[in-house]
Amino acid sequence: MKRILTLILALSVLFLTGCDRDANAPAGYKTASGEAADYFFFVPDDWTVDMTTGATSAYYSVEDPSSVSVMAWELPHSDTTIDQWWEMNMEDVTRVFQNVEAAAPENVTMGGVHAQKYVYTADLGEYSYKILQAAAVKGGSVYLITYTALADSYEAHLEEVNNMIAFFQFR
């Protein structure tokens, strides 16, 4: 009996250590972040992961190109706050988009770190977008999750995107 239990335990350990990183993914989600990332980012199983841009990203479908991405980069100063980063970010946003209107930020967490969630609408050419950005400052870097959708399809994926933010983990 002890041998059987020992064998089962050994096989269990072997199985668990040989599992893909998706074993960490919540039910119904898959890992979208690459090996080089210092975080885990999970997207719904029915989203398509796109690693061709060098950023962690995924989109819903060809018919509905709503997308989400994660980027991280070092801040210009190690004591930069999330509010200071947001001001710099909005300067860049207003250079690209027209008619930018932002709502007040909301406190959230990303991987156990205080973060801010920002939602804004903006126009680019003939299209109107609604964009959600969740940002956390950790170790002198900013980690940014961006959800972009046409304004009329934004609500369709909002619950999934909020889950992606909630499931985000630092390594």
N, C-alpha and C. Protein backbone atom coordinates (compact mmCIF):
# COMPACT_ATOMS: atom_id res chain seq x y z
N MET A 1 0.82 -1.19 0.00
CA MET A 1 0.00 0.00 0.00
C MET A 1 0.87 1.26 0.00
N LYS A 2 1.95 1.25 0.81
CA LYS A 2 2.84 2.40 0.86
C LYS A 2 3.50 2.63 -0.50
N ARG A 3 3.86 1.56 -1.18
CA ARG A 3 4.49 1.70 -2.50
C ARG A 3 3.54 2.34 -3.49
N ILE A 4 2.29 1.97 -3.44
CA ILE A 4 1.29 2.54 -4.36
C ILE A 4 1.12 4.03 -4.08
N LEU A 5 1.01 4.38 -2.81
CA LEU A 5 0.87 5.79 -2.45
C LEU A 5 2.11 6.58 -2.85
N THR A 6 3.29 6.00 -2.64
CA THR A 6 4.54 6.66 -3.02
C THR A 6 4.60 6.85 -4.53
N LEU A 7 4.20 5.84 -5.28
CA LEU A 7 4.19 5.92 -6.73
C LEU A 7 3.20 6.98 -7.20
N ILE A 8 2.02 7.03 -6.61
CA ILE A 8 1.02 8.04 -6.98
C ILE A 8 1.54 9.44 -6.68
N LEU A 9 2.16 9.60 -5.51
CA LEU A 9 2.72 10.89 -5.14
C LEU A 9 3.84 11.30 -6.10
N ALA A 10 4.71 10.39 -6.45
CA ALA A 10 5.81 10.67 -7.37
C ALA A 10 5.28 11.06 -8.75
N LEU A 11 4.28 10.33 -9.22
CA LEU A 11 3.69 10.65 -10.52
C LEU A 11 2.99 12.00 -10.49
N SER A 12 2.35 12.32 -9.38
CA SER A 12 1.69 13.62 -9.23
C SER A 12 2.70 14.75 -9.31
N VAL A 13 3.81 14.61 -8.61
CA VAL A 13 4.86 15.63 -8.63
C VAL A 13 5.42 15.76 -10.04
N LEU A 14 5.70 14.65 -10.69
CA LEU A 14 6.21 14.66 -12.05
C LEU A 14 5.23 15.35 -12.99
N PHE A 15 3.95 15.03 -12.87
CA PHE A 15 2.92 15.63 -13.71
C PHE A 15 2.85 17.14 -13.48
N LEU A 16 2.86 17.56 -12.23
CA LEU A 16 2.73 18.98 -11.92
C LEU A 16 3.94 19.78 -12.39
N THR A 17 5.14 19.24 -12.28
CA THR A 17 6.32 19.97 -12.71
C THR A 17 6.44 19.98 -14.23
N GLY A 18 5.80 19.06 -14.91
CA GLY A 18 5.86 19.02 -16.36
C GLY A 18 4.73 19.77 -17.03
N CYS A 19 3.83 20.37 -16.26
CA CYS A 19 2.69 21.08 -16.84
C CYS A 19 3.12 22.38 -17.50
N ASP A 20 2.39 22.76 -18.50
CA ASP A 20 2.57 24.04 -19.15
C ASP A 20 2.17 25.16 -18.21
N ARG A 21 2.66 26.36 -18.47
CA ARG A 21 2.31 27.51 -17.64
C ARG A 21 0.80 27.74 -17.61
N ASP A 22 0.06 27.25 -18.60
CA ASP A 22 -1.38 27.43 -18.61
C ASP A 22 -2.04 26.78 -17.40
N ALA A 23 -1.30 25.92 -16.70
CA ALA A 23 -1.83 25.34 -15.48
C ALA A 23 -2.11 26.44 -14.45
N ASN A 24 -1.43 27.60 -14.57
CA ASN A 24 -1.66 28.73 -13.69
C ASN A 24 -2.86 29.56 -14.11
N ALA A 25 -3.35 29.35 -15.31
CA ALA A 25 -4.43 30.17 -15.84
C ALA A 25 -5.75 29.84 -15.15
N PRO A 26 -6.55 30.86 -14.87
CA PRO A 26 -7.88 30.60 -14.32
C PRO A 26 -8.72 29.81 -15.32
N ALA A 27 -9.74 29.13 -14.84
CA ALA A 27 -10.62 28.35 -15.71
C ALA A 27 -11.20 29.24 -16.80
N GLY A 28 -11.12 28.78 -18.05
CA GLY A 28 -11.65 29.52 -19.19
C GLY A 28 -10.68 30.54 -19.77
N TYR A 29 -9.46 30.61 -19.21
CA TYR A 29 -8.45 31.57 -19.67
C TYR A 29 -7.17 30.83 -20.03
N LYS A 30 -6.33 31.47 -20.86
CA LYS A 30 -5.05 30.91 -21.23
C LYS A 30 -3.97 31.96 -21.05
N THR A 31 -2.74 31.53 -20.94
CA THR A 31 -1.62 32.44 -20.76
C THR A 31 -1.30 33.12 -22.09
N ALA A 32 -1.18 34.45 -22.05
CA ALA A 32 -0.85 35.20 -23.26
C ALA A 32 0.56 35.78 -23.20
N SER A 33 1.15 35.85 -22.02
CA SER A 33 2.47 36.45 -21.88
C SER A 33 3.56 35.45 -22.24
N GLY A 34 4.63 35.97 -22.80
CA GLY A 34 5.75 35.12 -23.20
C GLY A 34 6.69 34.82 -22.05
N GLU A 35 7.65 33.96 -22.31
CA GLU A 35 8.62 33.55 -21.30
C GLU A 35 9.46 34.71 -20.78
N ALA A 36 9.74 35.69 -21.62
CA ALA A 36 10.61 36.80 -21.22
C ALA A 36 9.89 37.83 -20.33
N ALA A 37 8.58 37.80 -20.32
CA ALA A 37 7.81 38.77 -19.51
C ALA A 37 7.99 38.48 -18.03
N ASP A 38 7.99 39.53 -17.23
CA ASP A 38 8.10 39.34 -15.78
C ASP A 38 6.72 39.36 -15.12
N TYR A 39 5.73 38.96 -15.91
CA TYR A 39 4.35 38.87 -15.42
C TYR A 39 3.63 37.75 -16.17
N PHE A 40 2.50 37.35 -15.61
CA PHE A 40 1.58 36.43 -16.29
C PHE A 40 0.35 37.22 -16.67
N PHE A 41 -0.05 37.12 -17.91
CA PHE A 41 -1.27 37.77 -18.39
C PHE A 41 -2.15 36.72 -19.03
N PHE A 42 -3.39 36.67 -18.61
CA PHE A 42 -4.32 35.64 -19.06
C PHE A 42 -5.46 36.27 -19.85
N VAL A 43 -5.82 35.63 -20.96
CA VAL A 43 -6.94 36.08 -21.80
C VAL A 43 -7.93 34.93 -21.95
N PRO A 44 -9.20 35.24 -22.24
CA PRO A 44 -10.18 34.18 -22.43
C PRO A 44 -9.74 33.20 -23.52
N ASP A 45 -10.13 31.95 -23.35
CA ASP A 45 -9.75 30.91 -24.31
C ASP A 45 -10.15 31.23 -25.74
N ASP A 46 -11.25 31.97 -25.94
CA ASP A 46 -11.71 32.23 -27.30
C ASP A 46 -11.08 33.47 -27.93
N TRP A 47 -10.17 34.16 -27.23
CA TRP A 47 -9.43 35.27 -27.80
C TRP A 47 -8.19 34.72 -28.50
N THR A 48 -7.68 35.44 -29.49
CA THR A 48 -6.49 35.04 -30.23
C THR A 48 -5.29 35.82 -29.71
N VAL A 49 -4.29 35.08 -29.23
CA VAL A 49 -3.05 35.71 -28.75
C VAL A 49 -2.23 36.12 -29.97
N ASP A 50 -1.67 37.32 -29.92
CA ASP A 50 -0.87 37.85 -31.02
C ASP A 50 0.46 38.33 -30.46
N MET A 51 1.53 37.61 -30.73
CA MET A 51 2.86 37.96 -30.23
C MET A 51 3.71 38.60 -31.34
N THR A 52 3.10 38.96 -32.46
CA THR A 52 3.87 39.50 -33.58
C THR A 52 4.33 40.94 -33.37
N THR A 53 3.74 41.64 -32.41
CA THR A 53 4.08 43.05 -32.21
C THR A 53 5.22 43.24 -31.22
N GLY A 54 5.64 42.22 -30.54
CA GLY A 54 6.66 42.36 -29.51
C GLY A 54 6.05 42.65 -28.15
N ALA A 55 4.78 42.99 -28.12
CA ALA A 55 4.06 43.21 -26.87
C ALA A 55 3.15 42.00 -26.62
N THR A 56 2.75 41.83 -25.39
CA THR A 56 1.76 40.81 -25.09
C THR A 56 0.42 41.36 -25.55
N SER A 57 -0.24 40.68 -26.48
CA SER A 57 -1.52 41.19 -26.96
C SER A 57 -2.42 40.06 -27.42
N ALA A 58 -3.71 40.39 -27.49
CA ALA A 58 -4.71 39.44 -27.97
C ALA A 58 -5.87 40.25 -28.54
N TYR A 59 -6.61 39.62 -29.44
CA TYR A 59 -7.80 40.28 -29.99
C TYR A 59 -8.94 39.28 -29.98
N TYR A 60 -10.17 39.82 -30.04
CA TYR A 60 -11.34 38.96 -29.94
C TYR A 60 -11.57 38.16 -31.22
N SER A 61 -11.71 38.84 -32.36
CA SER A 61 -11.93 38.13 -33.62
C SER A 61 -11.67 39.07 -34.78
N VAL A 62 -11.65 38.53 -35.98
CA VAL A 62 -11.46 39.35 -37.17
C VAL A 62 -12.67 40.27 -37.35
N GLU A 63 -13.86 39.75 -37.07
CA GLU A 63 -15.07 40.56 -37.22
C GLU A 63 -15.18 41.63 -36.13
N ASP A 64 -14.68 41.34 -34.94
CA ASP A 64 -14.69 42.27 -33.81
C ASP A 64 -13.25 42.39 -33.31
N PRO A 65 -12.50 43.36 -33.86
CA PRO A 65 -11.07 43.46 -33.53
C PRO A 65 -10.76 44.10 -32.17
N SER A 66 -11.71 44.06 -31.24
CA SER A 66 -11.41 44.56 -29.89
C SER A 66 -10.15 43.88 -29.42
N SER A 67 -9.25 44.66 -28.81
CA SER A 67 -7.95 44.10 -28.45
C SER A 67 -7.53 44.52 -27.06
N VAL A 68 -6.59 43.75 -26.54
CA VAL A 68 -5.99 44.05 -25.24
C VAL A 68 -4.49 43.80 -25.37
N SER A 69 -3.71 44.65 -24.70
CA SER A 69 -2.26 44.46 -24.74
C SER A 69 -1.68 44.82 -23.39
N VAL A 70 -0.48 44.29 -23.14
CA VAL A 70 0.27 44.64 -21.93
C VAL A 70 1.65 45.09 -22.37
N MET A 71 2.06 46.22 -21.84
CA MET A 71 3.41 46.73 -22.09
C MET A 71 4.00 47.15 -20.76
N ALA A 72 5.29 47.07 -20.65
CA ALA A 72 5.99 47.52 -19.45
C ALA A 72 7.24 48.25 -19.89
N TRP A 73 7.55 49.33 -19.22
CA TRP A 73 8.77 50.05 -19.50
C TRP A 73 9.21 50.83 -18.27
N GLU A 74 10.50 51.15 -18.27
CA GLU A 74 11.06 51.90 -17.15
C GLU A 74 10.57 53.33 -17.19
N LEU A 75 10.31 53.88 -16.02
CA LEU A 75 9.90 55.27 -15.90
C LEU A 75 11.13 56.17 -15.96
N PRO A 76 10.96 57.45 -16.34
CA PRO A 76 12.12 58.34 -16.44
C PRO A 76 12.79 58.60 -15.08
N HIS A 77 12.02 58.51 -14.02
CA HIS A 77 12.55 58.71 -12.67
C HIS A 77 11.97 57.62 -11.78
N SER A 78 12.78 57.05 -10.92
CA SER A 78 12.32 55.94 -10.08
C SER A 78 11.23 56.35 -9.09
N ASP A 79 11.08 57.66 -8.84
CA ASP A 79 10.04 58.10 -7.90
C ASP A 79 8.79 58.63 -8.61
N THR A 80 8.66 58.36 -9.91
CA THR A 80 7.48 58.78 -10.66
C THR A 80 6.24 58.10 -10.08
N THR A 81 5.21 58.89 -9.83
CA THR A 81 3.96 58.33 -9.30
C THR A 81 3.04 57.93 -10.45
N ILE A 82 2.01 57.20 -10.11
CA ILE A 82 1.03 56.79 -11.11
C ILE A 82 0.33 58.01 -11.71
N ASP A 83 0.06 59.02 -10.89
CA ASP A 83 -0.58 60.24 -11.39
C ASP A 83 0.34 61.00 -12.34
N GLN A 84 1.61 61.08 -12.03
CA GLN A 84 2.57 61.74 -12.93
C GLN A 84 2.68 60.98 -14.24
N TRP A 85 2.71 59.65 -14.16
CA TRP A 85 2.76 58.85 -15.39
C TRP A 85 1.53 59.11 -16.24
N TRP A 86 0.36 59.17 -15.61
CA TRP A 86 -0.89 59.37 -16.36
C TRP A 86 -0.86 60.70 -17.11
N GLU A 87 -0.34 61.75 -16.49
CA GLU A 87 -0.24 63.04 -17.19
C GLU A 87 0.64 62.92 -18.43
N MET A 88 1.77 62.23 -18.30
CA MET A 88 2.66 62.04 -19.45
C MET A 88 1.97 61.20 -20.52
N ASN A 89 1.26 60.16 -20.10
CA ASN A 89 0.55 59.28 -21.03
C ASN A 89 -0.51 60.06 -21.81
N MET A 90 -1.27 60.90 -21.12
CA MET A 90 -2.33 61.65 -21.80
C MET A 90 -1.76 62.65 -22.80
N GLU A 91 -0.58 63.18 -22.55
CA GLU A 91 0.06 64.05 -23.54
C GLU A 91 0.28 63.27 -24.84
N ASP A 92 0.74 62.02 -24.72
CA ASP A 92 0.95 61.18 -25.91
C ASP A 92 -0.38 60.83 -26.58
N VAL A 93 -1.38 60.50 -25.77
CA VAL A 93 -2.70 60.13 -26.31
C VAL A 93 -3.28 61.28 -27.13
N THR A 94 -3.20 62.50 -26.61
CA THR A 94 -3.78 63.64 -27.33
C THR A 94 -2.99 64.03 -28.58
N ARG A 95 -1.77 63.53 -28.71
CA ARG A 95 -1.01 63.74 -29.96
C ARG A 95 -1.51 62.82 -31.07
N VAL A 96 -2.05 61.66 -30.68
CA VAL A 96 -2.49 60.66 -31.64
C VAL A 96 -3.98 60.78 -31.95
N PHE A 97 -4.79 60.94 -30.91
CA PHE A 97 -6.24 60.95 -31.04
C PHE A 97 -6.81 62.36 -30.97
N GLN A 98 -8.02 62.50 -31.48
CA GLN A 98 -8.76 63.74 -31.37
C GLN A 98 -9.96 63.53 -30.43
N ASN A 99 -10.50 64.63 -29.92
CA ASN A 99 -11.71 64.61 -29.08
C ASN A 99 -11.59 63.64 -27.91
N VAL A 100 -10.47 63.69 -27.21
CA VAL A 100 -10.23 62.81 -26.07
C VAL A 100 -11.02 63.31 -24.87
N GLU A 101 -11.81 62.41 -24.30
CA GLU A 101 -12.58 62.72 -23.08
C GLU A 101 -12.35 61.60 -22.09
N ALA A 102 -11.77 61.95 -20.94
CA ALA A 102 -11.43 60.94 -19.93
C ALA A 102 -12.32 61.05 -18.71
N ALA A 103 -12.68 59.90 -18.15
CA ALA A 103 -13.42 59.83 -16.90
C ALA A 103 -12.43 59.85 -15.74
N ALA A 104 -12.92 60.04 -14.54
CA ALA A 104 -12.05 60.02 -13.36
C ALA A 104 -11.48 58.61 -13.19
N PRO A 105 -10.22 58.51 -12.72
CA PRO A 105 -9.61 57.19 -12.54
C PRO A 105 -10.28 56.42 -11.40
N GLU A 106 -10.12 55.10 -11.48
CA GLU A 106 -10.67 54.19 -10.46
C GLU A 106 -9.52 53.38 -9.87
N ASN A 107 -9.51 53.22 -8.57
CA ASN A 107 -8.49 52.39 -7.92
C ASN A 107 -8.77 50.92 -8.17
N VAL A 108 -7.74 50.19 -8.57
CA VAL A 108 -7.80 48.74 -8.76
C VAL A 108 -6.46 48.17 -8.29
N THR A 109 -6.30 46.86 -8.40
CA THR A 109 -5.00 46.25 -8.15
C THR A 109 -4.62 45.40 -9.36
N MET A 110 -3.34 45.32 -9.59
CA MET A 110 -2.78 44.46 -10.62
C MET A 110 -1.69 43.64 -9.94
N GLY A 111 -1.88 42.35 -9.87
CA GLY A 111 -0.88 41.49 -9.25
C GLY A 111 -0.59 41.88 -7.81
N GLY A 112 -1.58 42.36 -7.09
CA GLY A 112 -1.41 42.75 -5.70
C GLY A 112 -0.83 44.14 -5.50
N VAL A 113 -0.59 44.87 -6.60
CA VAL A 113 -0.01 46.21 -6.54
C VAL A 113 -1.11 47.24 -6.84
N HIS A 114 -1.09 48.34 -6.08
CA HIS A 114 -2.05 49.42 -6.35
C HIS A 114 -1.93 49.86 -7.79
N ALA A 115 -3.07 50.06 -8.43
CA ALA A 115 -3.11 50.50 -9.82
C ALA A 115 -4.26 51.48 -10.00
N GLN A 116 -4.27 52.14 -11.13
CA GLN A 116 -5.37 53.02 -11.51
C GLN A 116 -5.94 52.52 -12.82
N LYS A 117 -7.26 52.59 -12.93
CA LYS A 117 -7.93 52.24 -14.18
C LYS A 117 -8.50 53.53 -14.76
N TYR A 118 -8.14 53.80 -16.01
CA TYR A 118 -8.56 55.00 -16.71
C TYR A 118 -9.40 54.60 -17.91
N VAL A 119 -10.49 55.30 -18.13
CA VAL A 119 -11.34 55.04 -19.29
C VAL A 119 -11.51 56.36 -20.03
N TYR A 120 -11.34 56.32 -21.34
CA TYR A 120 -11.54 57.52 -22.13
C TYR A 120 -12.06 57.17 -23.52
N THR A 121 -12.69 58.14 -24.13
CA THR A 121 -13.14 58.00 -25.52
C THR A 121 -12.24 58.89 -26.36
N ALA A 122 -12.08 58.51 -27.60
CA ALA A 122 -11.22 59.28 -28.50
C ALA A 122 -11.56 58.92 -29.94
N ASP A 123 -11.31 59.85 -30.81
CA ASP A 123 -11.54 59.65 -32.24
C ASP A 123 -10.21 59.55 -32.97
N LEU A 124 -10.19 58.70 -33.97
CA LEU A 124 -9.05 58.59 -34.86
C LEU A 124 -9.62 58.41 -36.26
N GLY A 125 -9.43 59.42 -37.09
CA GLY A 125 -10.04 59.38 -38.42
C GLY A 125 -11.54 59.34 -38.28
N GLU A 126 -12.17 58.41 -38.97
CA GLU A 126 -13.63 58.31 -38.94
C GLU A 126 -14.14 57.40 -37.82
N TYR A 127 -13.26 56.85 -37.01
CA TYR A 127 -13.66 55.90 -35.96
C TYR A 127 -13.63 56.53 -34.57
N SER A 128 -14.59 56.09 -33.76
CA SER A 128 -14.67 56.50 -32.36
C SER A 128 -14.33 55.28 -31.50
N TYR A 129 -13.38 55.44 -30.60
CA TYR A 129 -12.92 54.35 -29.75
C TYR A 129 -13.24 54.64 -28.29
N LYS A 130 -13.37 53.56 -27.54
CA LYS A 130 -13.41 53.66 -26.09
C LYS A 130 -12.25 52.81 -25.59
N ILE A 131 -11.46 53.40 -24.73
CA ILE A 131 -10.21 52.76 -24.31
C ILE A 131 -10.15 52.69 -22.80
N LEU A 132 -9.75 51.55 -22.29
CA LEU A 132 -9.52 51.36 -20.86
C LEU A 132 -8.05 51.07 -20.69
N GLN A 133 -7.41 51.79 -19.78
CA GLN A 133 -6.02 51.51 -19.46
C GLN A 133 -5.90 51.32 -17.96
N ALA A 134 -5.30 50.22 -17.56
CA ALA A 134 -5.00 49.96 -16.15
C ALA A 134 -3.50 49.99 -16.02
N ALA A 135 -3.01 50.80 -15.07
CA ALA A 135 -1.57 50.99 -14.94
C ALA A 135 -1.15 50.82 -13.49
N ALA A 136 -0.02 50.15 -13.31
CA ALA A 136 0.59 49.98 -11.99
C ALA A 136 2.06 50.34 -12.09
N VAL A 137 2.57 50.99 -11.06
CA VAL A 137 3.99 51.30 -10.98
C VAL A 137 4.61 50.33 -9.99
N LYS A 138 5.64 49.61 -10.45
CA LYS A 138 6.32 48.63 -9.59
C LYS A 138 7.80 48.62 -9.95
N GLY A 139 8.64 48.80 -8.96
CA GLY A 139 10.08 48.70 -9.18
C GLY A 139 10.63 49.66 -10.21
N GLY A 140 10.12 50.87 -10.29
CA GLY A 140 10.62 51.85 -11.24
C GLY A 140 10.11 51.67 -12.65
N SER A 141 9.15 50.77 -12.83
CA SER A 141 8.56 50.54 -14.16
C SER A 141 7.05 50.72 -14.08
N VAL A 142 6.46 51.04 -15.22
CA VAL A 142 5.01 51.08 -15.31
C VAL A 142 4.58 49.87 -16.13
N TYR A 143 3.52 49.22 -15.66
CA TYR A 143 2.92 48.08 -16.35
C TYR A 143 1.55 48.55 -16.79
N LEU A 144 1.28 48.45 -18.08
CA LEU A 144 0.07 49.02 -18.65
C LEU A 144 -0.73 47.97 -19.42
N ILE A 145 -1.96 47.77 -19.01
CA ILE A 145 -2.91 46.94 -19.75
C ILE A 145 -3.83 47.90 -20.49
N THR A 146 -3.93 47.74 -21.80
CA THR A 146 -4.77 48.61 -22.62
C THR A 146 -5.81 47.78 -23.36
N TYR A 147 -7.07 48.13 -23.17
CA TYR A 147 -8.19 47.53 -23.90
C TYR A 147 -8.72 48.59 -24.84
N THR A 148 -8.76 48.27 -26.13
CA THR A 148 -9.24 49.20 -27.15
C THR A 148 -10.36 48.55 -27.93
N ALA A 149 -11.47 49.28 -28.07
CA ALA A 149 -12.61 48.78 -28.83
C ALA A 149 -13.32 49.94 -29.50
N LEU A 150 -14.01 49.64 -30.58
CA LEU A 150 -14.88 50.66 -31.13
C LEU A 150 -15.90 51.01 -30.04
N ALA A 151 -16.27 52.26 -29.97
CA ALA A 151 -17.12 52.73 -28.86
C ALA A 151 -18.39 51.90 -28.73
N ASP A 152 -18.98 51.49 -29.85
CA ASP A 152 -20.25 50.74 -29.77
C ASP A 152 -20.08 49.27 -29.38
N SER A 153 -18.87 48.73 -29.36
CA SER A 153 -18.68 47.34 -28.95
C SER A 153 -17.88 47.21 -27.64
N TYR A 154 -17.55 48.31 -27.02
CA TYR A 154 -16.74 48.34 -25.79
C TYR A 154 -17.37 47.49 -24.67
N GLU A 155 -18.63 47.66 -24.42
CA GLU A 155 -19.30 46.96 -23.31
C GLU A 155 -19.32 45.44 -23.50
N ALA A 156 -19.26 44.96 -24.73
CA ALA A 156 -19.36 43.53 -25.01
C ALA A 156 -18.26 42.71 -24.35
N HIS A 157 -17.09 43.31 -24.13
CA HIS A 157 -15.95 42.57 -23.57
C HIS A 157 -15.47 43.11 -22.23
N LEU A 158 -16.20 44.06 -21.68
CA LEU A 158 -15.75 44.74 -20.47
C LEU A 158 -15.58 43.78 -19.29
N GLU A 159 -16.49 42.86 -19.10
CA GLU A 159 -16.36 41.90 -17.99
C GLU A 159 -15.11 41.04 -18.16
N GLU A 160 -14.86 40.58 -19.37
CA GLU A 160 -13.65 39.78 -19.62
C GLU A 160 -12.39 40.60 -19.36
N VAL A 161 -12.38 41.85 -19.78
CA VAL A 161 -11.20 42.70 -19.59
C VAL A 161 -10.98 42.96 -18.11
N ASN A 162 -12.04 43.22 -17.37
CA ASN A 162 -11.89 43.41 -15.93
C ASN A 162 -11.34 42.15 -15.27
N ASN A 163 -11.73 40.98 -15.76
CA ASN A 163 -11.15 39.73 -15.26
C ASN A 163 -9.67 39.63 -15.61
N MET A 164 -9.30 40.04 -16.83
CA MET A 164 -7.90 40.01 -17.22
C MET A 164 -7.06 40.86 -16.27
N ILE A 165 -7.58 42.02 -15.90
CA ILE A 165 -6.88 42.89 -14.95
C ILE A 165 -6.77 42.21 -13.59
N ALA A 166 -7.86 41.63 -13.14
CA ALA A 166 -7.89 40.97 -11.83
C ALA A 166 -6.98 39.75 -11.78
N PHE A 167 -6.84 39.04 -12.90
CA PHE A 167 -6.02 37.81 -12.95
C PHE A 167 -4.55 38.10 -13.19
N PHE A 168 -4.17 39.32 -13.54
CA PHE A 168 -2.79 39.69 -13.82
C PHE A 168 -1.90 39.35 -12.62
N GLN A 169 -0.72 38.76 -12.89
CA GLN A 169 0.20 38.37 -11.82
C GLN A 169 1.64 38.77 -12.19
N PHE A 170 2.36 39.27 -11.20
CA PHE A 170 3.79 39.46 -11.39
C PHE A 170 4.50 38.16 -11.06
N ARG A 171 5.59 37.89 -11.77
CA ARG A 171 6.36 36.66 -11.50
C ARG A 171 7.17 36.82 -10.25
